[in-house]
C-alpha atoms as a PDB file:
ATOM      1  CA  UNK A   1     191.033  98.966  63.495  1.00  0.00           C
ATOM      2  CA  UNK A   2     191.330  99.517  67.255  1.00  0.00           C
ATOM      3  CA  UNK A   3     187.596  98.864  67.616  1.00  0.00           C
ATOM      4  CA  UNK A   4     187.847  95.553  65.788  1.00  0.00           C
ATOM      5  CA  UNK A   5     190.824  94.548  67.910  1.00  0.00           C
ATOM      6  CA  UNK A   6     188.869  95.376  71.098  1.00  0.00           C
ATOM      7  CA  UNK A   7     185.954  93.142  70.050  1.00  0.00           C
ATOM      8  CA  UNK A   8     188.314  90.273  69.355  1.00  0.00           C
ATOM      9  CA  UNK A   9     189.965  90.731  72.750  1.00  0.00           C
ATOM     10  CA  UNK A  10     186.607  90.753  74.578  1.00  0.00           C
ATOM     11  CA  UNK A  11     185.474  87.584  72.804  1.00  0.00           C
ATOM     12  CA  UNK A  12     188.795  85.927  73.585  1.00  0.00           C
ATOM     13  CA  UNK A  13     188.450  86.859  77.259  1.00  0.00           C
ATOM     14  CA  UNK A  14     184.919  85.404  77.370  1.00  0.00           C
ATOM     15  CA  UNK A  15     186.152  82.161  75.807  1.00  0.00           C
ATOM     16  CA  UNK A  16     189.076  81.893  78.165  1.00  0.00           C
ATOM     17  CA  UNK A  17     186.864  82.377  81.220  1.00  0.00           C
ATOM     18  CA  UNK A  18     184.314  79.804  80.020  1.00  0.00           C
ATOM     19  CA  UNK A  19     181.596  82.475  79.698  1.00  0.00           C
ATOM     20  CA  UNK A  20     179.416  83.007  76.621  1.00  0.00           C
ATOM     21  CA  UNK A  21     178.366  86.436  75.349  1.00  0.00           C
ATOM     22  CA  UNK A  22     174.799  87.037  76.522  1.00  0.00           C
ATOM     23  CA  UNK A  23     174.787  83.947  78.784  1.00  0.00           C
ATOM     24  CA  UNK A  24     173.619  86.012  81.773  1.00  0.00           C
ATOM     25  CA  UNK A  25     170.470  86.970  79.855  1.00  0.00           C
ATOM     26  CA  UNK A  26     169.027  83.424  80.142  1.00  0.00           C
ATOM     27  CA  UNK A  27     166.798  81.678  77.643  1.00  0.00           C
ATOM     28  CA  UNK A  28     164.062  83.460  75.765  1.00  0.00           C
ATOM     29  CA  UNK A  29     161.744  80.667  76.954  1.00  0.00           C
ATOM     30  CA  UNK A  30     162.691  79.351  80.401  1.00  0.00           C
ATOM     31  CA  UNK A  31     162.103  75.795  81.568  1.00  0.00           C
ATOM     32  CA  UNK A  32     159.291  75.160  84.100  1.00  0.00           C
ATOM     33  CA  UNK A  33     157.502  72.314  85.882  1.00  0.00           C
ATOM     34  CA  UNK A  34     153.969  72.300  87.350  1.00  0.00           C
ATOM     35  CA  UNK A  35     152.739  69.342  89.398  1.00  0.00           C
ATOM     36  CA  UNK A  36     149.675  68.386  91.431  1.00  0.00           C
ATOM     37  CA  UNK A  37     148.796  65.286  93.471  1.00  0.00           C
ATOM     38  CA  UNK A  38     145.191  64.085  93.827  1.00  0.00           C
ATOM     39  CA  UNK A  39     144.165  60.904  95.666  1.00  0.00           C
ATOM     40  CA  UNK A  40     147.672  59.476  95.442  1.00  0.00           C
ATOM     41  CA  UNK A  41     148.081  60.281  91.717  1.00  0.00           C
ATOM     42  CA  UNK A  42     150.601  62.925  90.585  1.00  0.00           C
ATOM     43  CA  UNK A  43     150.234  64.876  87.339  1.00  0.00           C
ATOM     44  CA  UNK A  44     153.424  66.629  86.161  1.00  0.00           C
ATOM     45  CA  UNK A  45     153.655  69.124  83.290  1.00  0.00           C
ATOM     46  CA  UNK A  46     157.119  70.038  81.978  1.00  0.00           C
ATOM     47  CA  UNK A  47     157.405  72.871  79.476  1.00  0.00           C
ATOM     48  CA  UNK A  48     159.220  75.993  78.252  1.00  0.00           C
ATOM     49  CA  UNK A  49     157.655  79.428  78.792  1.00  0.00           C
ATOM     50  CA  UNK A  50     157.681  81.855  75.849  1.00  0.00           C
ATOM     51  CA  UNK A  51     157.106  85.519  76.688  1.00  0.00           C
ATOM     52  CA  UNK A  52     154.646  87.774  74.852  1.00  0.00           C
ATOM     53  CA  UNK A  53     157.206  90.630  74.764  1.00  0.00           C
ATOM     54  CA  UNK A  54     154.628  93.167  73.649  1.00  0.00           C
ATOM     55  CA  UNK A  55     153.382  91.100  70.708  1.00  0.00           C
ATOM     56  CA  UNK A  56     149.646  91.395  70.208  1.00  0.00           C
ATOM     57  CA  UNK A  57     147.398  88.768  68.606  1.00  0.00           C
ATOM     58  CA  UNK A  58     149.578  85.885  69.809  1.00  0.00           C
ATOM     59  CA  UNK A  59     146.954  83.512  68.459  1.00  0.00           C
ATOM     60  CA  UNK A  60     146.207  84.092  64.812  1.00  0.00           C
ATOM     61  CA  UNK A  61     149.621  85.680  64.137  1.00  0.00           C
ATOM     62  CA  UNK A  62     152.434  84.200  66.265  1.00  0.00           C
ATOM     63  CA  UNK A  63     150.555  80.901  66.465  1.00  0.00           C
ATOM     64  CA  UNK A  64     148.488  80.740  63.291  1.00  0.00           C
ATOM     65  CA  UNK A  65     144.991  79.294  63.087  1.00  0.00           C
ATOM     66  CA  UNK A  66     145.062  75.613  62.214  1.00  0.00           C
ATOM     67  CA  UNK A  67     148.707  75.297  63.248  1.00  0.00           C
ATOM     68  CA  UNK A  68     149.895  72.046  64.839  1.00  0.00           C
ATOM     69  CA  UNK A  69     151.559  73.483  67.958  1.00  0.00           C
ATOM     70  CA  UNK A  70     152.961  72.267  71.247  1.00  0.00           C
ATOM     71  CA  UNK A  71     151.853  74.825  73.889  1.00  0.00           C
ATOM     72  CA  UNK A  72     155.295  76.061  74.870  1.00  0.00           C
ATOM     73  CA  UNK A  73     158.658  76.357  73.110  1.00  0.00           C
ATOM     74  CA  UNK A  74     161.877  74.461  72.368  1.00  0.00           C
ATOM     75  CA  UNK A  75     160.970  70.846  73.245  1.00  0.00           C
ATOM     76  CA  UNK A  76     157.420  69.505  73.214  1.00  0.00           C
ATOM     77  CA  UNK A  77     155.477  70.121  76.405  1.00  0.00           C
ATOM     78  CA  UNK A  78     154.971  66.863  78.312  1.00  0.00           C
ATOM     79  CA  UNK A  79     152.347  65.472  80.691  1.00  0.00           C
ATOM     80  CA  UNK A  80     153.398  62.647  83.034  1.00  0.00           C
ATOM     81  CA  UNK A  81     150.867  60.701  85.150  1.00  0.00           C
ATOM     82  CA  UNK A  82     152.030  58.042  87.622  1.00  0.00           C
ATOM     83  CA  UNK A  83     148.646  56.248  87.620  1.00  0.00           C
ATOM     84  CA  UNK A  84     145.847  55.966  85.078  1.00  0.00           C
ATOM     85  CA  UNK A  85     143.629  59.081  85.021  1.00  0.00           C
ATOM     86  CA  UNK A  86     140.633  60.422  83.162  1.00  0.00           C
ATOM     87  CA  UNK A  87     141.418  63.473  81.045  1.00  0.00           C
ATOM     88  CA  UNK A  88     138.224  65.280  80.057  1.00  0.00           C
ATOM     89  CA  UNK A  89     136.399  62.013  80.693  1.00  0.00           C
ATOM     90  CA  UNK A  90     138.725  59.842  78.584  1.00  0.00           C
ATOM     91  CA  UNK A  91     141.022  57.261  80.137  1.00  0.00           C
ATOM     92  CA  UNK A  92     144.738  58.092  79.900  1.00  0.00           C
ATOM     93  CA  UNK A  93     147.043  55.214  80.919  1.00  0.00           C
ATOM     94  CA  UNK A  94     149.937  55.795  83.300  1.00  0.00           C
ATOM     95  CA  UNK A  95     152.908  57.233  81.384  1.00  0.00           C
ATOM     96  CA  UNK A  96     154.569  60.282  79.871  1.00  0.00           C
ATOM     97  CA  UNK A  97     153.172  61.986  76.769  1.00  0.00           C
ATOM     98  CA  UNK A  98     153.897  64.936  74.480  1.00  0.00           C
ATOM     99  CA  UNK A  99     151.111  67.514  74.383  1.00  0.00           C
ATOM    100  CA  UNK A 100     150.195  68.900  70.950  1.00  0.00           C
ATOM    101  CA  UNK A 101     147.276  71.045  69.835  1.00  0.00           C
ATOM    102  CA  UNK A 102     145.607  72.277  66.674  1.00  0.00           C
ATOM    103  CA  UNK A 103     144.633  75.871  67.436  1.00  0.00           C
ATOM    104  CA  UNK A 104     141.392  77.503  66.270  1.00  0.00           C
ATOM    105  CA  UNK A 105     139.703  80.708  67.531  1.00  0.00           C
ATOM    106  CA  UNK A 106     136.992  78.974  69.603  1.00  0.00           C
ATOM    107  CA  UNK A 107     138.256  75.405  70.077  1.00  0.00           C
ATOM    108  CA  UNK A 108     141.520  73.505  70.333  1.00  0.00           C
ATOM    109  CA  UNK A 109     142.084  69.921  69.300  1.00  0.00           C
ATOM    110  CA  UNK A 110     144.214  68.357  72.059  1.00  0.00           C
ATOM    111  CA  UNK A 111     146.503  65.413  71.285  1.00  0.00           C
ATOM    112  CA  UNK A 112     148.604  63.236  73.607  1.00  0.00           C
ATOM    113  CA  UNK A 113     151.451  61.449  71.777  1.00  0.00           C
ATOM    114  CA  UNK A 114     153.433  58.520  73.166  1.00  0.00           C
ATOM    115  CA  UNK A 115     156.685  59.842  71.665  1.00  0.00           C
ATOM    116  CA  UNK A 116     157.292  62.537  74.241  1.00  0.00           C
ATOM    117  CA  UNK A 117     160.893  63.571  73.518  1.00  0.00           C
ATOM    118  CA  UNK A 118     160.511  65.704  70.398  1.00  0.00           C
ATOM    119  CA  UNK A 119     161.591  69.171  69.302  1.00  0.00           C
ATOM    120  CA  UNK A 120     158.771  71.630  68.684  1.00  0.00           C
ATOM    121  CA  UNK A 121     159.279  71.580  64.890  1.00  0.00           C
ATOM    122  CA  UNK A 122     158.281  69.816  62.763  1.00  0.00           C
ATOM    123  CA  UNK A 123     155.009  68.666  64.392  1.00  0.00           C
ATOM    124  CA  UNK A 124     154.222  64.939  64.655  1.00  0.00           C
ATOM    125  CA  UNK A 125     152.974  63.282  61.490  1.00  0.00           C
ATOM    126  CA  UNK A 126     152.400  59.704  62.673  1.00  0.00           C
ATOM    127  CA  UNK A 127     148.745  59.351  63.716  1.00  0.00           C
ATOM    128  CA  UNK A 128     149.434  55.858  65.105  1.00  0.00           C
ATOM    129  CA  UNK A 129     151.547  57.512  67.835  1.00  0.00           C
ATOM    130  CA  UNK A 130     148.466  59.255  69.277  1.00  0.00           C
ATOM    131  CA  UNK A 131     147.251  57.970  72.640  1.00  0.00           C
ATOM    132  CA  UNK A 132     144.356  60.395  72.989  1.00  0.00           C
ATOM    133  CA  UNK A 133     142.637  63.166  71.030  1.00  0.00           C
ATOM    134  CA  UNK A 134     139.698  65.399  71.981  1.00  0.00           C
ATOM    135  CA  UNK A 135     138.397  68.948  71.509  1.00  0.00           C
ATOM    136  CA  UNK A 136     138.106  71.647  74.181  1.00  0.00           C
ATOM    137  CA  UNK A 137     136.656  75.166  74.072  1.00  0.00           C
ATOM    138  CA  UNK A 138     138.854  78.217  74.563  1.00  0.00           C
ATOM    139  CA  UNK A 139     138.086  80.906  77.137  1.00  0.00           C
ATOM    140  CA  UNK A 140     139.142  84.535  77.602  1.00  0.00           C
ATOM    141  CA  UNK A 141     141.019  85.811  80.633  1.00  0.00           C
ATOM    142  CA  UNK A 142     143.230  88.657  81.866  1.00  0.00           C
ATOM    143  CA  UNK A 143     146.464  89.092  79.850  1.00  0.00           C
ATOM    144  CA  UNK A 144     149.226  86.631  80.813  1.00  0.00           C
ATOM    145  CA  UNK A 145     152.702  87.759  79.745  1.00  0.00           C
ATOM    146  CA  UNK A 146     154.538  84.443  80.242  1.00  0.00           C
ATOM    147  CA  UNK A 147     152.953  81.185  79.044  1.00  0.00           C
ATOM    148  CA  UNK A 148     151.740  79.382  82.172  1.00  0.00           C
ATOM    149  CA  UNK A 149     150.366  75.987  83.187  1.00  0.00           C
ATOM    150  CA  UNK A 150     148.859  75.682  86.668  1.00  0.00           C
ATOM    151  CA  UNK A 151     146.307  73.772  88.725  1.00  0.00           C
ATOM    152  CA  UNK A 152     143.822  76.377  90.033  1.00  0.00           C
ATOM    153  CA  UNK A 153     141.314  73.876  91.464  1.00  0.00           C
ATOM    154  CA  UNK A 154     141.605  70.689  93.504  1.00  0.00           C
ATOM    155  CA  UNK A 155     138.378  68.817  94.265  1.00  0.00           C
ATOM    156  CA  UNK A 156     139.047  65.594  96.170  1.00  0.00           C
ATOM    157  CA  UNK A 157     140.121  63.124  93.488  1.00  0.00           C
ATOM    158  CA  UNK A 158     139.978  65.692  90.657  1.00  0.00           C
ATOM    159  CA  UNK A 159     141.779  68.819  89.530  1.00  0.00           C
ATOM    160  CA  UNK A 160     141.834  71.334  86.678  1.00  0.00           C
ATOM    161  CA  UNK A 161     144.948  71.804  84.522  1.00  0.00           C
ATOM    162  CA  UNK A 162     144.896  75.326  83.081  1.00  0.00           C
ATOM    163  CA  UNK A 163     146.849  76.884  80.187  1.00  0.00           C
ATOM    164  CA  UNK A 164     147.173  80.683  79.910  1.00  0.00           C
ATOM    165  CA  UNK A 165     148.989  82.913  77.426  1.00  0.00           C
ATOM    166  CA  UNK A 166     147.934  86.325  76.209  1.00  0.00           C
ATOM    167  CA  UNK A 167     144.202  86.436  76.806  1.00  0.00           C
ATOM    168  CA  UNK A 168     143.560  82.780  75.869  1.00  0.00           C
ATOM    169  CA  UNK A 169     142.690  80.240  78.574  1.00  0.00           C
ATOM    170  CA  UNK A 170     142.236  76.493  78.013  1.00  0.00           C
ATOM    171  CA  UNK A 171     141.294  74.159  80.857  1.00  0.00           C
ATOM    172  CA  UNK A 172     141.526  70.367  81.047  1.00  0.00           C
ATOM    173  CA  UNK A 173     139.728  68.282  83.683  1.00  0.00           C
ATOM    174  CA  UNK A 174     141.835  65.564  85.330  1.00  0.00           C
ATOM    175  CA  UNK A 175     140.318  62.876  87.568  1.00  0.00           C
ATOM    176  CA  UNK A 176     142.115  60.116  89.446  1.00  0.00           C
ATOM    177  CA  UNK A 177     140.844  56.558  88.982  1.00  0.00           C
ATOM    178  CA  UNK A 178     140.339  54.455  92.130  1.00  0.00           C
ATOM    179  CA  UNK A 179     142.706  51.488  92.402  1.00  0.00           C
ATOM    180  CA  UNK A 180     141.185  48.006  91.988  1.00  0.00           C
ATOM    181  CA  UNK A 181     139.981  46.413  95.199  1.00  0.00           C
ATOM    182  CA  UNK A 182     141.710  43.290  96.486  1.00  0.00           C
ATOM    183  CA  UNK A 183     138.868  40.753  96.581  1.00  0.00           C
ATOM    184  CA  UNK A 184     138.498  37.750  98.857  1.00  0.00           C
ATOM    185  CA  UNK A 185     140.348  34.781  97.351  1.00  0.00           C
ATOM    186  CA  UNK A 186     138.070  31.918  96.191  1.00  0.00           C
ATOM    187  CA  UNK A 187     137.059  29.672  99.074  1.00  0.00           C
ATOM    188  CA  UNK A 188     137.890  32.233 101.769  1.00  0.00           C
ATOM    189  CA  UNK A 189     135.780  31.677 104.887  1.00  0.00           C
ATOM    190  CA  UNK A 190     135.020  34.940 106.691  1.00  0.00           C
ATOM    191  CA  UNK A 191     132.039  33.674 108.722  1.00  0.00           C
ATOM    192  CA  UNK A 192     134.071  34.075 111.918  1.00  0.00           C
ATOM    193  CA  UNK A 193     134.284  37.823 111.267  1.00  0.00           C
ATOM    194  CA  UNK A 194     130.651  38.538 110.387  1.00  0.00           C
ATOM    195  CA  UNK A 195     128.196  40.164 112.773  1.00  0.00           C
ATOM    196  CA  UNK A 196     127.571  43.389 114.682  1.00  0.00           C
ATOM    197  CA  UNK A 197     130.136  45.364 116.655  1.00  0.00           C
ATOM    198  CA  UNK A 198     130.034  48.345 118.994  1.00  0.00           C
ATOM    199  CA  UNK A 199     132.687  50.725 117.702  1.00  0.00           C
ATOM    200  CA  UNK A 200     134.296  53.636 119.483  1.00  0.00           C
ATOM    201  CA  UNK A 201     135.758  56.327 117.211  1.00  0.00           C
ATOM    202  CA  UNK A 202     138.935  57.628 118.821  1.00  0.00           C
ATOM    203  CA  UNK A 203     139.959  60.248 116.259  1.00  0.00           C
ATOM    204  CA  UNK A 204     138.116  63.145 114.679  1.00  0.00           C
ATOM    205  CA  UNK A 205     135.948  61.922 111.810  1.00  0.00           C
ATOM    206  CA  UNK A 206     134.755  64.973 109.809  1.00  0.00           C
ATOM    207  CA  UNK A 207     131.571  63.272 108.604  1.00  0.00           C
ATOM    208  CA  UNK A 208     130.549  61.972 112.053  1.00  0.00           C
ATOM    209  CA  UNK A 209     128.780  63.771 114.879  1.00  0.00           C
ATOM    210  CA  UNK A 210     129.086  60.790 117.282  1.00  0.00           C
ATOM    211  CA  UNK A 211     131.910  58.820 118.865  1.00  0.00           C
ATOM    212  CA  UNK A 212     130.005  55.548 119.320  1.00  0.00           C
ATOM    213  CA  UNK A 213     128.433  53.605 116.418  1.00  0.00           C
ATOM    214  CA  UNK A 214     127.187  50.129 115.622  1.00  0.00           C
ATOM    215  CA  UNK A 215     128.847  48.413 112.674  1.00  0.00           C
ATOM    216  CA  UNK A 216     127.661  45.382 110.731  1.00  0.00           C
ATOM    217  CA  UNK A 217     130.126  43.207 108.827  1.00  0.00           C
ATOM    218  CA  UNK A 218     128.586  41.160 106.008  1.00  0.00           C
ATOM    219  CA  UNK A 219     129.887  39.149 103.086  1.00  0.00           C
ATOM    220  CA  UNK A 220     128.724  40.349  99.686  1.00  0.00           C
ATOM    221  CA  UNK A 221     129.985  37.998  96.999  1.00  0.00           C
ATOM    222  CA  UNK A 222     133.782  38.190  96.986  1.00  0.00           C
ATOM    223  CA  UNK A 223     133.943  41.239  99.269  1.00  0.00           C
ATOM    224  CA  UNK A 224     133.759  41.806 103.021  1.00  0.00           C
ATOM    225  CA  UNK A 225     131.569  44.852 103.664  1.00  0.00           C
ATOM    226  CA  UNK A 226     131.509  47.199 106.657  1.00  0.00           C
ATOM    227  CA  UNK A 227     128.311  49.203 107.074  1.00  0.00           C
ATOM    228  CA  UNK A 228     127.455  51.580 109.875  1.00  0.00           C
ATOM    229  CA  UNK A 229     124.138  50.245 111.189  1.00  0.00           C
ATOM    230  CA  UNK A 230     122.773  53.154 113.236  1.00  0.00           C
ATOM    231  CA  UNK A 231     122.771  56.935 113.420  1.00  0.00           C
ATOM    232  CA  UNK A 232     121.704  59.514 110.809  1.00  0.00           C
ATOM    233  CA  UNK A 233     121.592  58.048 107.306  1.00  0.00           C
ATOM    234  CA  UNK A 234     123.817  60.796 105.894  1.00  0.00           C
ATOM    235  CA  UNK A 235     126.591  59.887 108.366  1.00  0.00           C
ATOM    236  CA  UNK A 236     126.597  56.138 107.796  1.00  0.00           C
ATOM    237  CA  UNK A 237     129.822  54.901 106.298  1.00  0.00           C
ATOM    238  CA  UNK A 238     130.249  52.084 103.789  1.00  0.00           C
ATOM    239  CA  UNK A 239     133.605  50.327 103.403  1.00  0.00           C
ATOM    240  CA  UNK A 240     135.056  47.305 101.655  1.00  0.00           C
ATOM    241  CA  UNK A 241     137.664  45.393 103.656  1.00  0.00           C
ATOM    242  CA  UNK A 242     140.379  43.882 101.446  1.00  0.00           C
ATOM    243  CA  UNK A 243     142.860  41.182 102.529  1.00  0.00           C
ATOM    244  CA  UNK A 244     146.199  42.754 103.445  1.00  0.00           C
ATOM    245  CA  UNK A 245     148.637  39.938 104.096  1.00  0.00           C
ATOM    246  CA  UNK A 246     147.826  38.397 107.484  1.00  0.00           C
ATOM    247  CA  UNK A 247     144.659  36.278 107.668  1.00  0.00           C
ATOM    248  CA  UNK A 248     143.037  38.598 110.206  1.00  0.00           C
ATOM    249  CA  UNK A 249     144.211  41.947 108.770  1.00  0.00           C
ATOM    250  CA  UNK A 250     142.376  44.010 106.160  1.00  0.00           C
ATOM    251  CA  UNK A 251     142.825  47.323 104.344  1.00  0.00           C
ATOM    252  CA  UNK A 252     139.781  49.601 104.311  1.00  0.00           C
ATOM    253  CA  UNK A 253     138.348  51.428 101.275  1.00  0.00           C
ATOM    254  CA  UNK A 254     135.542  53.988 101.651  1.00  0.00           C
ATOM    255  CA  UNK A 255     132.585  54.300  99.307  1.00  0.00           C
ATOM    256  CA  UNK A 256     132.344  57.777  97.764  1.00  0.00           C
ATOM    257  CA  UNK A 257     129.094  59.489  96.795  1.00  0.00           C
ATOM    258  CA  UNK A 258     129.539  58.364  93.163  1.00  0.00           C
ATOM    259  CA  UNK A 259     129.827  54.713  94.221  1.00  0.00           C
ATOM    260  CA  UNK A 260     133.610  54.430  93.791  1.00  0.00           C
ATOM    261  CA  UNK A 261     135.754  52.964  96.577  1.00  0.00           C
ATOM    262  CA  UNK A 262     138.923  54.798  97.613  1.00  0.00           C
ATOM    263  CA  UNK A 263     141.643  53.672 100.076  1.00  0.00           C
ATOM    264  CA  UNK A 264     140.813  55.078 103.500  1.00  0.00           C
ATOM    265  CA  UNK A 265     144.029  57.012 104.252  1.00  0.00           C
ATOM    266  CA  UNK A 266     146.042  53.882 104.989  1.00  0.00           C
ATOM    267  CA  UNK A 267     143.561  52.530 107.563  1.00  0.00           C
ATOM    268  CA  UNK A 268     144.177  48.888 108.534  1.00  0.00           C
ATOM    269  CA  UNK A 269     141.661  46.684 110.389  1.00  0.00           C
ATOM    270  CA  UNK A 270     143.117  43.906 112.590  1.00  0.00           C
ATOM    271  CA  UNK A 271     140.750  41.390 114.226  1.00  0.00           C
ATOM    272  CA  UNK A 272     141.151  39.769 117.645  1.00  0.00           C
ATOM    273  CA  UNK A 273     140.251  36.070 117.541  1.00  0.00           C
ATOM    274  CA  UNK A 274     139.161  33.713 120.347  1.00  0.00           C
ATOM    275  CA  UNK A 275     138.377  30.057 119.718  1.00  0.00           C
ATOM    276  CA  UNK A 276     138.105  30.661 115.987  1.00  0.00           C
ATOM    277  CA  UNK A 277     135.737  33.640 116.208  1.00  0.00           C
ATOM    278  CA  UNK A 278     136.377  37.391 116.104  1.00  0.00           C
ATOM    279  CA  UNK A 279     135.726  39.125 119.419  1.00  0.00           C
ATOM    280  CA  UNK A 280     136.692  42.586 118.246  1.00  0.00           C
ATOM    281  CA  UNK A 281     139.025  44.621 116.066  1.00  0.00           C
ATOM    282  CA  UNK A 282     141.267  47.666 115.996  1.00  0.00           C
ATOM    283  CA  UNK A 283     141.529  50.225 113.209  1.00  0.00           C
ATOM    284  CA  UNK A 284     144.913  51.903 112.954  1.00  0.00           C
ATOM    285  CA  UNK A 285     145.727  54.919 110.822  1.00  0.00           C
ATOM    286  CA  UNK A 286     148.603  55.428 108.416  1.00  0.00           C
ATOM    287  CA  UNK A 287     150.788  56.608 111.315  1.00  0.00           C
ATOM    288  CA  UNK A 288     150.077  53.426 113.303  1.00  0.00           C
ATOM    289  CA  UNK A 289     147.943  55.238 115.881  1.00  0.00           C
ATOM    290  CA  UNK A 290     144.599  53.895 117.095  1.00  0.00           C
ATOM    291  CA  UNK A 291     141.657  55.319 115.137  1.00  0.00           C
ATOM    292  CA  UNK A 292     138.746  53.037 116.142  1.00  0.00           C
ATOM    293  CA  UNK A 293     138.142  50.030 118.376  1.00  0.00           C
ATOM    294  CA  UNK A 294     135.301  47.550 117.937  1.00  0.00           C
ATOM    295  CA  UNK A 295     133.839  44.898 120.270  1.00  0.00           C
ATOM    296  CA  UNK A 296     131.452  42.184 119.147  1.00  0.00           C
ATOM    297  CA  UNK A 297     127.852  42.498 120.342  1.00  0.00           C
ATOM    298  CA  UNK A 298     126.927  39.279 122.146  1.00  0.00           C
ATOM    299  CA  UNK A 299     128.458  35.850 121.471  1.00  0.00           C
END
């Protein structure tokens, strides 16, 4: 009877102090967030991390083959992208999604659902809620005790999102999508800006071995194009200049090797005008400092 009384007293003391028995032990599956930014786009994964706790054959026993499973615990694992991306080559619109899988020994079916706030059981049953579905192969890796999402690779405008638990590894490829270019409004007259300029590069440019280049500005349809006109072919840059508010100010986007145009680190090109014709320009970086200065060749 004394033992029973002691238990009651301990529980009463815990209640009075606001503590819960076992509260200091924490959750069996702790909350975690993994995030990565590429080319101005941030990918955020929010999930709960179950622990293997000595269990073998996590997949096939704990998670059975063919099971509809969110890779985590408690609430569905979510993926949030603040711009449109390509996920394993498929376009995923900006937004937040629940991540679900159908697990098989050699492949997983990956599903992104628009209803992202959902407990891990029962699995989703409404196929019209799916935003994206595709299949990925599984890989083998060193044992991972606590379920983990990370971003082991960053390659310019792309990254790899990796899942690991036990000896199973699944990797998804994520690629940022370049923002649309601001084109010249219909009827815009840029003849006063066209021509060749001598340009002095005043900051380190990793792809350039020289500090002085010739630049040609041409109109190509509804775009204003900047092309380096001399020097080694491999170093010649190709930009599109997009209107940026003031009539004589333009944002600069650089052509990548795959033909896509990406904003050039906040670079802004401001022209100097004299009697209705450009005599030169300045390129300022994101911090407002001078990056390049151009002077028109001849009049």
